[in-house]
Amino acid sequence: MELDKKVKAGVRLSQVKRFLEHSKFSETDLMRTAGIPASTWARRKKEGKLNAAESERVTRLARLFSHAEAVLNGARNAKNWMEREQAALEWRRPVDLAETTFGAEEVEDLLSRIEYGVF
């Protein structure tokens, strides 16, 4: 429930910046995946936080990355995996699927299968 409250209140850009530094995703990657136009991103940087919808999409990407990081043994492996086309995802990239809730669920499912050795 705490995460729901934080998303509704808007994720602070300082938290987004920490995620970008840790994950090594670029601002451009984040904006594309979260569906944030450049002009909106510039405005959000001035405001210091995202709106609820943007926060939900960025949080979705961060959660997927965190799961991939745990399953694949580190941030570098997680980023590389998320940026590569995956046969089990019909040759789509996990980072692209993170753009929607349904796509993110497919990525989560694949990560769980990898984690438990179910291919």
PDB file of N, CA and C in Angstrom:
ATOM      1  N   MET A   1       0.823  -1.203   0.000  1.00  0.00           N
ATOM      2  CA  MET A   1       0.000   0.000   0.000  1.00  0.00           C
ATOM      3  C   MET A   1       0.858   1.256   0.000  1.00  0.00           C
ATOM      4  N   GLU A   2       2.025   1.149   0.602  1.00  0.00           N
ATOM      5  CA  GLU A   2       2.920   2.308   0.659  1.00  0.00           C
ATOM      6  C   GLU A   2       3.346   2.732  -0.751  1.00  0.00           C
ATOM      7  N   LEU A   3       3.637   1.750  -1.603  1.00  0.00           N
ATOM      8  CA  LEU A   3       4.043   2.061  -2.967  1.00  0.00           C
ATOM      9  C   LEU A   3       2.900   2.744  -3.721  1.00  0.00           C
ATOM     10  N   ASP A   4       1.687   2.291  -3.507  1.00  0.00           N
ATOM     11  CA  ASP A   4       0.521   2.902  -4.140  1.00  0.00           C
ATOM     12  C   ASP A   4       0.415   4.379  -3.754  1.00  0.00           C
ATOM     13  N   LYS A   5       0.629   4.676  -2.488  1.00  0.00           N
ATOM     14  CA  LYS A   5       0.570   6.070  -2.020  1.00  0.00           C
ATOM     15  C   LYS A   5       1.662   6.912  -2.667  1.00  0.00           C
ATOM     16  N   LYS A   6       2.864   6.358  -2.762  1.00  0.00           N
ATOM     17  CA  LYS A   6       3.984   7.102  -3.349  1.00  0.00           C
ATOM     18  C   LYS A   6       3.749   7.373  -4.831  1.00  0.00           C
ATOM     19  N   VAL A   7       3.211   6.373  -5.527  1.00  0.00           N
ATOM     20  CA  VAL A   7       2.938   6.556  -6.954  1.00  0.00           C
ATOM     21  C   VAL A   7       1.870   7.620  -7.149  1.00  0.00           C
ATOM     22  N   LYS A   8       0.819   7.567  -6.370  1.00  0.00           N
ATOM     23  CA  LYS A   8      -0.260   8.557  -6.499  1.00  0.00           C
ATOM     24  C   LYS A   8       0.219   9.964  -6.159  1.00  0.00           C
ATOM     25  N   ALA A   9       1.143  10.074  -5.219  1.00  0.00           N
ATOM     26  CA  ALA A   9       1.682  11.380  -4.837  1.00  0.00           C
ATOM     27  C   ALA A   9       2.685  11.894  -5.872  1.00  0.00           C
ATOM     28  N   GLY A  10       3.238  10.982  -6.667  1.00  0.00           N
ATOM     29  CA  GLY A  10       4.233  11.361  -7.670  1.00  0.00           C
ATOM     30  C   GLY A  10       5.636  11.034  -7.214  1.00  0.00           C
ATOM     31  N   VAL A  11       6.338  10.270  -8.022  1.00  0.00           N
ATOM     32  CA  VAL A  11       7.715   9.895  -7.712  1.00  0.00           C
ATOM     33  C   VAL A  11       8.606  11.120  -7.889  1.00  0.00           C
ATOM     34  N   ARG A  12       9.471  11.340  -6.910  1.00  0.00           N
ATOM     35  CA  ARG A  12      10.404  12.478  -6.979  1.00  0.00           C
ATOM     36  C   ARG A  12      11.488  12.199  -8.017  1.00  0.00           C
ATOM     37  N   LEU A  13      11.917  13.242  -8.708  1.00  0.00           N
ATOM     38  CA  LEU A  13      12.946  13.093  -9.730  1.00  0.00           C
ATOM     39  C   LEU A  13      14.278  12.660  -9.129  1.00  0.00           C
ATOM     40  N   SER A  14      14.509  12.954  -7.875  1.00  0.00           N
ATOM     41  CA  SER A  14      15.747  12.494  -7.235  1.00  0.00           C
ATOM     42  C   SER A  14      15.763  10.965  -7.170  1.00  0.00           C
ATOM     43  N   GLN A  15      14.601  10.351  -6.977  1.00  0.00           N
ATOM     44  CA  GLN A  15      14.512   8.884  -6.966  1.00  0.00           C
ATOM     45  C   GLN A  15      14.705   8.329  -8.374  1.00  0.00           C
ATOM     46  N   VAL A  16      14.146   9.003  -9.347  1.00  0.00           N
ATOM     47  CA  VAL A  16      14.305   8.585 -10.740  1.00  0.00           C
ATOM     48  C   VAL A  16      15.779   8.668 -11.120  1.00  0.00           C
ATOM     49  N   LYS A  17      16.428   9.737 -10.713  1.00  0.00           N
ATOM     50  CA  LYS A  17      17.850   9.912 -11.018  1.00  0.00           C
ATOM     51  C   LYS A  17      18.675   8.779 -10.419  1.00  0.00           C
ATOM     52  N   ARG A  18      18.380   8.383  -9.185  1.00  0.00           N
ATOM     53  CA  ARG A  18      19.103   7.262  -8.553  1.00  0.00           C
ATOM     54  C   ARG A  18      18.877   5.969  -9.331  1.00  0.00           C
ATOM     55  N   PHE A  19      17.641   5.754  -9.767  1.00  0.00           N
ATOM     56  CA  PHE A  19      17.358   4.559 -10.574  1.00  0.00           C
ATOM     57  C   PHE A  19      18.161   4.588 -11.865  1.00  0.00           C
ATOM     58  N   LEU A  20      18.192   5.719 -12.547  1.00  0.00           N
ATOM     59  CA  LEU A  20      18.932   5.819 -13.805  1.00  0.00           C
ATOM     60  C   LEU A  20      20.424   5.579 -13.583  1.00  0.00           C
ATOM     61  N   GLU A  21      20.966   6.128 -12.522  1.00  0.00           N
ATOM     62  CA  GLU A  21      22.386   5.918 -12.227  1.00  0.00           C
ATOM     63  C   GLU A  21      22.677   4.442 -11.957  1.00  0.00           C
ATOM     64  N   HIS A  22      21.803   3.799 -11.218  1.00  0.00           N
ATOM     65  CA  HIS A  22      22.008   2.395 -10.863  1.00  0.00           C
ATOM     66  C   HIS A  22      21.817   1.475 -12.068  1.00  0.00           C
ATOM     67  N   SER A  23      20.764   1.711 -12.829  1.00  0.00           N
ATOM     68  CA  SER A  23      20.414   0.822 -13.937  1.00  0.00           C
ATOM     69  C   SER A  23      21.230   1.090 -15.196  1.00  0.00           C
ATOM     70  N   LYS A  24      21.757   2.284 -15.303  1.00  0.00           N
ATOM     71  CA  LYS A  24      22.482   2.736 -16.494  1.00  0.00           C
ATOM     72  C   LYS A  24      21.565   2.958 -17.698  1.00  0.00           C
ATOM     73  N   PHE A  25      20.251   3.008 -17.451  1.00  0.00           N
ATOM     74  CA  PHE A  25      19.344   3.419 -18.517  1.00  0.00           C
ATOM     75  C   PHE A  25      19.529   4.919 -18.711  1.00  0.00           C
ATOM     76  N   SER A  26      19.359   5.373 -19.929  1.00  0.00           N
ATOM     77  CA  SER A  26      19.467   6.805 -20.204  1.00  0.00           C
ATOM     78  C   SER A  26      18.108   7.465 -19.963  1.00  0.00           C
ATOM     79  N   GLU A  27      18.124   8.775 -19.858  1.00  0.00           N
ATOM     80  CA  GLU A  27      16.860   9.508 -19.738  1.00  0.00           C
ATOM     81  C   GLU A  27      15.986   9.233 -20.956  1.00  0.00           C
ATOM     82  N   THR A  28      16.614   9.130 -22.118  1.00  0.00           N
ATOM     83  CA  THR A  28      15.867   8.859 -23.347  1.00  0.00           C
ATOM     84  C   THR A  28      15.175   7.501 -23.275  1.00  0.00           C
ATOM     85  N   ASP A  29      15.899   6.479 -22.780  1.00  0.00           N
ATOM     86  CA  ASP A  29      15.293   5.150 -22.601  1.00  0.00           C
ATOM     87  C   ASP A  29      14.088   5.244 -21.675  1.00  0.00           C
ATOM     88  N   LEU A  30      14.271   5.934 -20.581  1.00  0.00           N
ATOM     89  CA  LEU A  30      13.210   6.058 -19.587  1.00  0.00           C
ATOM     90  C   LEU A  30      12.002   6.792 -20.165  1.00  0.00           C
ATOM     91  N   MET A  31      12.248   7.892 -20.845  1.00  0.00           N
ATOM     92  CA  MET A  31      11.147   8.677 -21.421  1.00  0.00           C
ATOM     93  C   MET A  31      10.367   7.848 -22.433  1.00  0.00           C
ATOM     94  N   ARG A  32      11.070   7.085 -23.274  1.00  0.00           N
ATOM     95  CA  ARG A  32      10.403   6.253 -24.280  1.00  0.00           C
ATOM     96  C   ARG A  32       9.566   5.182 -23.601  1.00  0.00           C
ATOM     97  N   THR A  33      10.157   4.454 -22.673  1.00  0.00           N
ATOM     98  CA  THR A  33       9.455   3.361 -22.005  1.00  0.00           C
ATOM     99  C   THR A  33       8.278   3.872 -21.185  1.00  0.00           C
ATOM    100  N   ALA A  34       8.450   5.012 -20.538  1.00  0.00           N
ATOM    101  CA  ALA A  34       7.388   5.568 -19.695  1.00  0.00           C
ATOM    102  C   ALA A  34       6.415   6.448 -20.479  1.00  0.00           C
ATOM    103  N   GLY A  35       6.678   6.642 -21.767  1.00  0.00           N
ATOM    104  CA  GLY A  35       5.772   7.440 -22.586  1.00  0.00           C
ATOM    105  C   GLY A  35       5.734   8.906 -22.176  1.00  0.00           C
ATOM    106  N   ILE A  36       6.891   9.445 -21.829  1.00  0.00           N
ATOM    107  CA  ILE A  36       6.967  10.849 -21.409  1.00  0.00           C
ATOM    108  C   ILE A  36       7.642  11.659 -22.520  1.00  0.00           C
ATOM    109  N   PRO A  37       6.918  12.566 -23.167  1.00  0.00           N
ATOM    110  CA  PRO A  37       7.527  13.410 -24.201  1.00  0.00           C
ATOM    111  C   PRO A  37       8.638  14.297 -23.610  1.00  0.00           C
ATOM    112  N   ALA A  38       9.578  14.687 -24.458  1.00  0.00           N
ATOM    113  CA  ALA A  38      10.719  15.497 -24.017  1.00  0.00           C
ATOM    114  C   ALA A  38      10.274  16.798 -23.350  1.00  0.00           C
ATOM    115  N   SER A  39       9.250  17.439 -23.895  1.00  0.00           N
ATOM    116  CA  SER A  39       8.790  18.702 -23.311  1.00  0.00           C
ATOM    117  C   SER A  39       8.206  18.478 -21.908  1.00  0.00           C
ATOM    118  N   THR A  40       7.494  17.371 -21.741  1.00  0.00           N
ATOM    119  CA  THR A  40       6.933  17.043 -20.422  1.00  0.00           C
ATOM    120  C   THR A  40       8.057  16.696 -19.451  1.00  0.00           C
ATOM    121  N   TRP A  41       9.049  15.943 -19.934  1.00  0.00           N
ATOM    122  CA  TRP A  41      10.194  15.575 -19.089  1.00  0.00           C
ATOM    123  C   TRP A  41      10.900  16.836 -18.587  1.00  0.00           C
ATOM    124  N   ALA A  42      11.099  17.809 -19.458  1.00  0.00           N
ATOM    125  CA  ALA A  42      11.750  19.064 -19.063  1.00  0.00           C
ATOM    126  C   ALA A  42      10.920  19.778 -17.995  1.00  0.00           C
ATOM    127  N   ARG A  43       9.616  19.780 -18.163  1.00  0.00           N
ATOM    128  CA  ARG A  43       8.733  20.405 -17.177  1.00  0.00           C
ATOM    129  C   ARG A  43       8.785  19.656 -15.839  1.00  0.00           C
ATOM    130  N   ARG A  44       8.789  18.337 -15.904  1.00  0.00           N
ATOM    131  CA  ARG A  44       8.847  17.537 -14.672  1.00  0.00           C
ATOM    132  C   ARG A  44      10.165  17.762 -13.933  1.00  0.00           C
ATOM    133  N   LYS A  45      11.239  17.955 -14.667  1.00  0.00           N
ATOM    134  CA  LYS A  45      12.534  18.223 -14.028  1.00  0.00           C
ATOM    135  C   LYS A  45      12.475  19.523 -13.230  1.00  0.00           C
ATOM    136  N   LYS A  46      11.777  20.515 -13.758  1.00  0.00           N
ATOM    137  CA  LYS A  46      11.619  21.780 -13.041  1.00  0.00           C
ATOM    138  C   LYS A  46      10.722  21.613 -11.816  1.00  0.00           C
ATOM    139  N   GLU A  47       9.661  20.805 -11.973  1.00  0.00           N
ATOM    140  CA  GLU A  47       8.715  20.581 -10.876  1.00  0.00           C
ATOM    141  C   GLU A  47       9.284  19.669  -9.798  1.00  0.00           C
ATOM    142  N   GLY A  48      10.190  18.779 -10.199  1.00  0.00           N
ATOM    143  CA  GLY A  48      10.832  17.894  -9.230  1.00  0.00           C
ATOM    144  C   GLY A  48      10.141  16.564  -8.986  1.00  0.00           C
ATOM    145  N   LYS A  49       9.029  16.321  -9.674  1.00  0.00           N
ATOM    146  CA  LYS A  49       8.379  15.018  -9.535  1.00  0.00           C
ATOM    147  C   LYS A  49       7.496  14.727 -10.736  1.00  0.00           C
ATOM    148  N   LEU A  50       7.169  13.444 -10.887  1.00  0.00           N
ATOM    149  CA  LEU A  50       6.308  12.976 -11.962  1.00  0.00           C
ATOM    150  C   LEU A  50       4.857  12.987 -11.505  1.00  0.00           C
ATOM    151  N   ASN A  51       3.938  12.953 -12.465  1.00  0.00           N
ATOM    152  CA  ASN A  51       2.539  12.806 -12.072  1.00  0.00           C
ATOM    153  C   ASN A  51       2.272  11.326 -11.786  1.00  0.00           C
ATOM    154  N   ALA A  52       1.062  10.983 -11.371  1.00  0.00           N
ATOM    155  CA  ALA A  52       0.744   9.617 -10.951  1.00  0.00           C
ATOM    156  C   ALA A  52       0.900   8.612 -12.090  1.00  0.00           C
ATOM    157  N   ALA A  53       0.413   8.936 -13.270  1.00  0.00           N
ATOM    158  CA  ALA A  53       0.491   8.004 -14.399  1.00  0.00           C
ATOM    159  C   ALA A  53       1.950   7.754 -14.801  1.00  0.00           C
ATOM    160  N   GLU A  54       2.724   8.816 -14.867  1.00  0.00           N
ATOM    161  CA  GLU A  54       4.145   8.678 -15.207  1.00  0.00           C
ATOM    162  C   GLU A  54       4.870   7.899 -14.118  1.00  0.00           C
ATOM    163  N   SER A  55       4.531   8.172 -12.880  1.00  0.00           N
ATOM    164  CA  SER A  55       5.146   7.473 -11.750  1.00  0.00           C
ATOM    165  C   SER A  55       4.879   5.983 -11.822  1.00  0.00           C
ATOM    166  N   GLU A  56       3.655   5.622 -12.192  1.00  0.00           N
ATOM    167  CA  GLU A  56       3.310   4.202 -12.291  1.00  0.00           C
ATOM    168  C   GLU A  56       4.148   3.519 -13.362  1.00  0.00           C
ATOM    169  N   ARG A  57       4.328   4.171 -14.506  1.00  0.00           N
ATOM    170  CA  ARG A  57       5.094   3.572 -15.606  1.00  0.00           C
ATOM    171  C   ARG A  57       6.576   3.471 -15.268  1.00  0.00           C
ATOM    172  N   VAL A  58       7.119   4.487 -14.621  1.00  0.00           N
ATOM    173  CA  VAL A  58       8.527   4.441 -14.222  1.00  0.00           C
ATOM    174  C   VAL A  58       8.731   3.384 -13.137  1.00  0.00           C
ATOM    175  N   THR A  59       7.812   3.305 -12.211  1.00  0.00           N
ATOM    176  CA  THR A  59       7.895   2.300 -11.147  1.00  0.00           C
ATOM    177  C   THR A  59       7.805   0.897 -11.735  1.00  0.00           C
ATOM    178  N   ARG A  60       6.966   0.718 -12.737  1.00  0.00           N
ATOM    179  CA  ARG A  60       6.855  -0.583 -13.402  1.00  0.00           C
ATOM    180  C   ARG A  60       8.203  -0.988 -13.994  1.00  0.00           C
ATOM    181  N   LEU A  61       8.872  -0.073 -14.677  1.00  0.00           N
ATOM    182  CA  LEU A  61      10.187  -0.358 -15.247  1.00  0.00           C
ATOM    183  C   LEU A  61      11.194  -0.678 -14.141  1.00  0.00           C
ATOM    184  N   ALA A  62      11.172   0.099 -13.082  1.00  0.00           N
ATOM    185  CA  ALA A  62      12.119  -0.126 -11.973  1.00  0.00           C
ATOM    186  C   ALA A  62      11.891  -1.487 -11.318  1.00  0.00           C
ATOM    187  N   ARG A  63      10.641  -1.877 -11.149  1.00  0.00           N
ATOM    188  CA  ARG A  63      10.336  -3.184 -10.549  1.00  0.00           C
ATOM    189  C   ARG A  63      10.797  -4.318 -11.448  1.00  0.00           C
ATOM    190  N   LEU A  64      10.578  -4.195 -12.757  1.00  0.00           N
ATOM    191  CA  LEU A  64      11.058  -5.213 -13.684  1.00  0.00           C
ATOM    192  C   LEU A  64      12.573  -5.309 -13.642  1.00  0.00           C
ATOM    193  N   PHE A  65      13.207  -4.151 -13.630  1.00  0.00           N
ATOM    194  CA  PHE A  65      14.670  -4.131 -13.582  1.00  0.00           C
ATOM    195  C   PHE A  65      15.167  -4.795 -12.297  1.00  0.00           C
ATOM    196  N   SER A  66      14.544  -4.491 -11.189  1.00  0.00           N
ATOM    197  CA  SER A  66      14.934  -5.073  -9.909  1.00  0.00           C
ATOM    198  C   SER A  66      14.789  -6.598  -9.928  1.00  0.00           C
ATOM    199  N   HIS A  67      13.700  -7.078 -10.501  1.00  0.00           N
ATOM    200  CA  HIS A  67      13.500  -8.523 -10.599  1.00  0.00           C
ATOM    201  C   HIS A  67      14.569  -9.141 -11.496  1.00  0.00           C
ATOM    202  N   ALA A  68      14.831  -8.523 -12.642  1.00  0.00           N
ATOM    203  CA  ALA A  68      15.860  -9.020 -13.550  1.00  0.00           C
ATOM    204  C   ALA A  68      17.232  -9.000 -12.885  1.00  0.00           C
ATOM    205  N   GLU A  69      17.498  -7.970 -12.134  1.00  0.00           N
ATOM    206  CA  GLU A  69      18.776  -7.839 -11.425  1.00  0.00           C
ATOM    207  C   GLU A  69      18.954  -8.996 -10.437  1.00  0.00           C
ATOM    208  N   ALA A  70      17.911  -9.341  -9.714  1.00  0.00           N
ATOM    209  CA  ALA A  70      17.981 -10.431  -8.741  1.00  0.00           C
ATOM    210  C   ALA A  70      18.150 -11.784  -9.432  1.00  0.00           C
ATOM    211  N   VAL A  71      17.415 -11.987 -10.506  1.00  0.00           N
ATOM    212  CA  VAL A  71      17.446 -13.279 -11.207  1.00  0.00           C
ATOM    213  C   VAL A  71      18.735 -13.457 -12.000  1.00  0.00           C
ATOM    214  N   LEU A  72      19.229 -12.384 -12.587  1.00  0.00           N
ATOM    215  CA  LEU A  72      20.358 -12.470 -13.513  1.00  0.00           C
ATOM    216  C   LEU A  72      21.688 -12.038 -12.902  1.00  0.00           C
ATOM    217  N   ASN A  73      21.708 -11.873 -11.597  1.00  0.00           N
ATOM    218  CA  ASN A  73      22.959 -11.595 -10.869  1.00  0.00           C
ATOM    219  C   ASN A  73      23.612 -10.269 -11.203  1.00  0.00           C
ATOM    220  N   GLY A  74      22.863  -9.198 -11.067  1.00  0.00           N
ATOM    221  CA  GLY A  74      23.480  -7.883 -11.154  1.00  0.00           C
ATOM    222  C   GLY A  74      22.850  -6.940 -12.147  1.00  0.00           C
ATOM    223  N   ALA A  75      23.151  -5.663 -11.952  1.00  0.00           N
ATOM    224  CA  ALA A  75      22.574  -4.596 -12.762  1.00  0.00           C
ATOM    225  C   ALA A  75      23.014  -4.667 -14.217  1.00  0.00           C
ATOM    226  N   ARG A  76      24.271  -4.935 -14.447  1.00  0.00           N
ATOM    227  CA  ARG A  76      24.768  -4.986 -15.831  1.00  0.00           C
ATOM    228  C   ARG A  76      24.066  -6.097 -16.613  1.00  0.00           C
ATOM    229  N   ASN A  77      23.978  -7.290 -16.006  1.00  0.00           N
ATOM    230  CA  ASN A  77      23.302  -8.406 -16.666  1.00  0.00           C
ATOM    231  C   ASN A  77      21.826  -8.093 -16.899  1.00  0.00           C
ATOM    232  N   ALA A  78      21.206  -7.457 -15.921  1.00  0.00           N
ATOM    233  CA  ALA A  78      19.785  -7.115 -16.050  1.00  0.00           C
ATOM    234  C   ALA A  78      19.569  -6.140 -17.204  1.00  0.00           C
ATOM    235  N   LYS A  79      20.381  -5.110 -17.282  1.00  0.00           N
ATOM    236  CA  LYS A  79      20.220  -4.117 -18.358  1.00  0.00           C
ATOM    237  C   LYS A  79      20.462  -4.763 -19.716  1.00  0.00           C
ATOM    238  N   ASN A  80      21.521  -5.556 -19.826  1.00  0.00           N
ATOM    239  CA  ASN A  80      21.803  -6.229 -21.098  1.00  0.00           C
ATOM    240  C   ASN A  80      20.643  -7.130 -21.511  1.00  0.00           C
ATOM    241  N   TRP A  81      20.110  -7.887 -20.562  1.00  0.00           N
ATOM    242  CA  TRP A  81      19.007  -8.794 -20.855  1.00  0.00           C
ATOM    243  C   TRP A  81      17.766  -8.011 -21.275  1.00  0.00           C
ATOM    244  N   MET A  82      17.478  -6.936 -20.581  1.00  0.00           N
ATOM    245  CA  MET A  82      16.274  -6.156 -20.883  1.00  0.00           C
ATOM    246  C   MET A  82      16.350  -5.468 -22.239  1.00  0.00           C
ATOM    247  N   GLU A  83      17.544  -5.233 -22.730  1.00  0.00           N
ATOM    248  CA  GLU A  83      17.703  -4.535 -24.010  1.00  0.00           C
ATOM    249  C   GLU A  83      17.865  -5.476 -25.202  1.00  0.00           C
ATOM    250  N   ARG A  84      17.889  -6.773 -24.937  1.00  0.00           N
ATOM    251  CA  ARG A  84      18.053  -7.747 -26.018  1.00  0.00           C
ATOM    252  C   ARG A  84      16.734  -8.443 -26.324  1.00  0.00           C
ATOM    253  N   GLU A  85      16.533  -8.725 -27.592  1.00  0.00           N
ATOM    254  CA  GLU A  85      15.349  -9.484 -27.996  1.00  0.00           C
ATOM    255  C   GLU A  85      15.413 -10.873 -27.372  1.00  0.00           C
ATOM    256  N   GLN A  86      14.280 -11.324 -26.857  1.00  0.00           N
ATOM    257  CA  GLN A  86      14.215 -12.615 -26.172  1.00  0.00           C
ATOM    258  C   GLN A  86      13.286 -13.557 -26.940  1.00  0.00           C
ATOM    259  N   ALA A  87      13.790 -14.741 -27.257  1.00  0.00           N
ATOM    260  CA  ALA A  87      12.992 -15.728 -27.994  1.00  0.00           C
ATOM    261  C   ALA A  87      11.682 -16.021 -27.268  1.00  0.00           C
ATOM    262  N   ALA A  88      11.737 -16.143 -25.949  1.00  0.00           N
ATOM    263  CA  ALA A  88      10.548 -16.475 -25.159  1.00  0.00           C
ATOM    264  C   ALA A  88       9.522 -15.338 -25.140  1.00  0.00           C
ATOM    265  N   LEU A  89       9.913 -14.186 -25.627  1.00  0.00           N
ATOM    266  CA  LEU A  89       9.000 -13.038 -25.712  1.00  0.00           C
ATOM    267  C   LEU A  89       8.705 -12.704 -27.171  1.00  0.00           C
ATOM    268  N   GLU A  90       8.737 -13.740 -27.999  1.00  0.00           N
ATOM    269  CA  GLU A  90       8.494 -13.584 -29.434  1.00  0.00           C
ATOM    270  C   GLU A  90       9.449 -12.569 -30.058  1.00  0.00           C
ATOM    271  N   TRP A  91      10.699 -12.651 -29.634  1.00  0.00           N
ATOM    272  CA  TRP A  91      11.785 -11.810 -30.146  1.00  0.00           C
ATOM    273  C   TRP A  91      11.557 -10.326 -29.920  1.00  0.00           C
ATOM    274  N   ARG A  92      10.875 -10.024 -28.818  1.00  0.00           N
ATOM    275  CA  ARG A  92      10.734  -8.625 -28.412  1.00  0.00           C
ATOM    276  C   ARG A  92      11.663  -8.355 -27.245  1.00  0.00           C
ATOM    277  N   ARG A  93      11.970  -7.082 -27.042  1.00  0.00           N
ATOM    278  CA  ARG A  93      12.849  -6.694 -25.939  1.00  0.00           C
ATOM    279  C   ARG A  93      12.013  -6.452 -24.680  1.00  0.00           C
ATOM    280  N   PRO A  94      12.477  -6.975 -23.546  1.00  0.00           N
ATOM    281  CA  PRO A  94      11.743  -6.737 -22.302  1.00  0.00           C
ATOM    282  C   PRO A  94      11.510  -5.257 -22.011  1.00  0.00           C
ATOM    283  N   VAL A  95      12.475  -4.404 -22.300  1.00  0.00           N
ATOM    284  CA  VAL A  95      12.314  -2.976 -22.026  1.00  0.00           C
ATOM    285  C   VAL A  95      11.168  -2.389 -22.839  1.00  0.00           C
ATOM    286  N   ASP A  96      10.955  -2.911 -24.042  1.00  0.00           N
ATOM    287  CA  ASP A  96       9.838  -2.428 -24.857  1.00  0.00           C
ATOM    288  C   ASP A  96       8.508  -2.925 -24.307  1.00  0.00           C
ATOM    289  N   LEU A  97       8.486  -4.149 -23.821  1.00  0.00           N
ATOM    290  CA  LEU A  97       7.260  -4.695 -23.243  1.00  0.00           C
ATOM    291  C   LEU A  97       6.891  -3.993 -21.947  1.00  0.00           C
ATOM    292  N   ALA A  98       7.865  -3.378 -21.302  1.00  0.00           N
ATOM    293  CA  ALA A  98       7.607  -2.655 -20.053  1.00  0.00           C
ATOM    294  C   ALA A  98       6.728  -1.427 -20.269  1.00  0.00           C
ATOM    295  N   GLU A  99       6.475  -1.073 -21.513  1.00  0.00           N
ATOM    296  CA  GLU A  99       5.644   0.091 -21.816  1.00  0.00           C
ATOM    297  C   GLU A  99       4.192  -0.112 -21.424  1.00  0.00           C
ATOM    298  N   THR A 100       3.754  -1.377 -21.318  1.00  0.00           N
ATOM    299  CA  THR A 100       2.364  -1.648 -20.945  1.00  0.00           C
ATOM    300  C   THR A 100       2.306  -2.617 -19.767  1.00  0.00           C
ATOM    301  N   THR A 101       1.211  -2.596 -19.062  1.00  0.00           N
ATOM    302  CA  THR A 101       1.019  -3.509 -17.936  1.00  0.00           C
ATOM    303  C   THR A 101       1.041  -4.953 -18.421  1.00  0.00           C
ATOM    304  N   PHE A 102       0.365  -5.230 -19.530  1.00  0.00           N
ATOM    305  CA  PHE A 102       0.303  -6.598 -20.039  1.00  0.00           C
ATOM    306  C   PHE A 102       1.676  -7.087 -20.484  1.00  0.00           C
ATOM    307  N   GLY A 103       2.421  -6.228 -21.147  1.00  0.00           N
ATOM    308  CA  GLY A 103       3.772  -6.598 -21.555  1.00  0.00           C
ATOM    309  C   GLY A 103       4.664  -6.844 -20.354  1.00  0.00           C
ATOM    310  N   ALA A 104       4.551  -5.985 -19.349  1.00  0.00           N
ATOM    311  CA  ALA A 104       5.348  -6.145 -18.132  1.00  0.00           C
ATOM    312  C   ALA A 104       5.028  -7.469 -17.441  1.00  0.00           C
ATOM    313  N   GLU A 105       3.763  -7.872 -17.470  1.00  0.00           N
ATOM    314  CA  GLU A 105       3.384  -9.156 -16.874  1.00  0.00           C
ATOM    315  C   GLU A 105       4.059 -10.314 -17.608  1.00  0.00           C
ATOM    316  N   GLU A 106       4.185 -10.211 -18.916  1.00  0.00           N
ATOM    317  CA  GLU A 106       4.879 -11.247 -19.691  1.00  0.00           C
ATOM    318  C   GLU A 106       6.351 -11.325 -19.291  1.00  0.00           C
ATOM    319  N   VAL A 107       6.971 -10.167 -19.103  1.00  0.00           N
ATOM    320  CA  VAL A 107       8.370 -10.128 -18.692  1.00  0.00           C
ATOM    321  C   VAL A 107       8.519 -10.721 -17.288  1.00  0.00           C
ATOM    322  N   GLU A 108       7.634 -10.339 -16.377  1.00  0.00           N
ATOM    323  CA  GLU A 108       7.664 -10.889 -15.015  1.00  0.00           C
ATOM    324  C   GLU A 108       7.533 -12.408 -15.048  1.00  0.00           C
ATOM    325  N   ASP A 109       6.624 -12.903 -15.873  1.00  0.00           N
ATOM    326  CA  ASP A 109       6.422 -14.342 -15.990  1.00  0.00           C
ATOM    327  C   ASP A 109       7.700 -15.028 -16.479  1.00  0.00           C
ATOM    328  N   LEU A 110       8.328 -14.463 -17.503  1.00  0.00           N
ATOM    329  CA  LEU A 110       9.565 -15.036 -18.022  1.00  0.00           C
ATOM    330  C   LEU A 110      10.665 -15.021 -16.962  1.00  0.00           C
ATOM    331  N   LEU A 111      10.798 -13.918 -16.261  1.00  0.00           N
ATOM    332  CA  LEU A 111      11.812 -13.849 -15.202  1.00  0.00           C
ATOM    333  C   LEU A 111      11.559 -14.899 -14.123  1.00  0.00           C
ATOM    334  N   SER A 112      10.314 -15.111 -13.775  1.00  0.00           N
ATOM    335  CA  SER A 112       9.987 -16.135 -12.775  1.00  0.00           C
ATOM    336  C   SER A 112      10.326 -17.526 -13.298  1.00  0.00           C
ATOM    337  N   ARG A 113      10.063 -17.769 -14.575  1.00  0.00           N
ATOM    338  CA  ARG A 113      10.416 -19.067 -15.158  1.00  0.00           C
ATOM    339  C   ARG A 113      11.928 -19.268 -15.157  1.00  0.00           C
ATOM    340  N   ILE A 114      12.672 -18.231 -15.486  1.00  0.00           N
ATOM    341  CA  ILE A 114      14.134 -18.306 -15.447  1.00  0.00           C
ATOM    342  C   ILE A 114      14.593 -18.584 -14.016  1.00  0.00           C
ATOM    343  N   GLU A 115      14.016 -17.841 -13.087  1.00  0.00           N
ATOM    344  CA  GLU A 115      14.390 -17.969 -11.681  1.00  0.00           C
ATOM    345  C   GLU A 115      14.198 -19.399 -11.168  1.00  0.00           C
ATOM    346  N   TYR A 116      13.117 -20.035 -11.588  1.00  0.00           N
ATOM    347  CA  TYR A 116      12.791 -21.380 -11.094  1.00  0.00           C
ATOM    348  C   TYR A 116      13.170 -22.491 -12.073  1.00  0.00           C
ATOM    349  N   GLY A 117      13.862 -22.124 -13.152  1.00  0.00           N
ATOM    350  CA  GLY A 117      14.351 -23.131 -14.086  1.00  0.00           C
ATOM    351  C   GLY A 117      13.278 -23.777 -14.929  1.00  0.00           C
ATOM    352  N   VAL A 118      12.189 -23.069 -15.171  1.00  0.00           N
ATOM    353  CA  VAL A 118      11.098 -23.582 -15.997  1.00  0.00           C
ATOM    354  C   VAL A 118      11.146 -22.874 -17.337  1.00  0.00           C
ATOM    355  N   PHE A 119      11.560 -23.606 -18.344  1.00  0.00           N
ATOM    356  CA  PHE A 119      11.656 -22.995 -19.677  1.00  0.00           C
ATOM    357  C   PHE A 119      10.570 -23.571 -20.502  1.00  0.00           C
TER     358      PHE A 119
END
